[in-house]
Amino acid sequence: MKSAVVLLPGLNRDRDMIAALTKISGQAPATVWQTDTEIPDVD
């Protein structure tokens, strides 16, 4: 499963979400900054 985590300023749970998705799926998710104009290929 390909996943991505959107990073937003002021939020502090992005690292927890990345760790959880990595543990569950076995793959590190892509990270997307709030101002990115392109989203990686995810499921």
Protein backbone atom coordinates (compact mmCIF):
# COMPACT_ATOMS: atom_id res chain seq x y z
CA MET A 1 0.00 0.00 0.00
CA LYS A 2 1.39 3.38 -0.99
CA SER A 3 0.49 6.17 1.41
CA ALA A 4 1.38 9.79 2.10
CA VAL A 5 1.30 12.05 5.12
CA VAL A 6 0.51 15.75 4.65
CA LEU A 7 2.76 17.92 6.81
CA LEU A 8 1.14 21.03 8.26
CA PRO A 9 2.80 23.67 10.44
CA GLY A 10 1.70 23.60 14.05
CA LEU A 11 0.76 19.92 14.06
CA ASN A 12 3.01 17.50 15.89
CA ARG A 13 1.60 14.08 15.09
CA ASP A 14 3.09 13.66 11.64
CA ARG A 15 6.03 11.61 12.95
CA ASP A 16 3.65 9.34 14.85
CA MET A 17 1.57 8.81 11.71
CA ILE A 18 4.67 8.08 9.62
CA ALA A 19 5.86 5.52 12.20
CA ALA A 20 2.42 3.86 12.37
CA LEU A 21 2.04 3.62 8.59
CA THR A 22 5.57 2.25 8.24
CA LYS A 23 4.92 -0.39 10.90
CA ILE A 24 1.56 -1.45 9.44
CA SER A 25 2.42 -1.45 5.74
CA GLY A 26 6.14 -2.18 5.88
CA GLN A 27 6.81 0.85 3.66
CA ALA A 28 7.58 4.40 4.65
CA PRO A 29 4.90 6.81 3.42
CA ALA A 30 5.69 9.73 1.18
CA THR A 31 5.60 13.11 2.88
CA VAL A 32 3.80 16.03 1.30
CA TRP A 33 4.26 19.58 2.54
CA GLN A 34 1.15 21.74 2.61
CA THR A 35 2.41 23.95 -0.21
CA ASP A 36 3.39 21.12 -2.56
CA THR A 37 1.52 21.32 -5.84
CA GLU A 38 1.95 17.66 -6.79
CA ILE A 39 0.86 14.62 -4.82
CA PRO A 40 2.91 11.42 -5.20
CA ASP A 41 1.28 8.30 -6.60
CA VAL A 42 -0.55 6.79 -3.61
CA ASP A 43 -3.35 4.28 -3.14
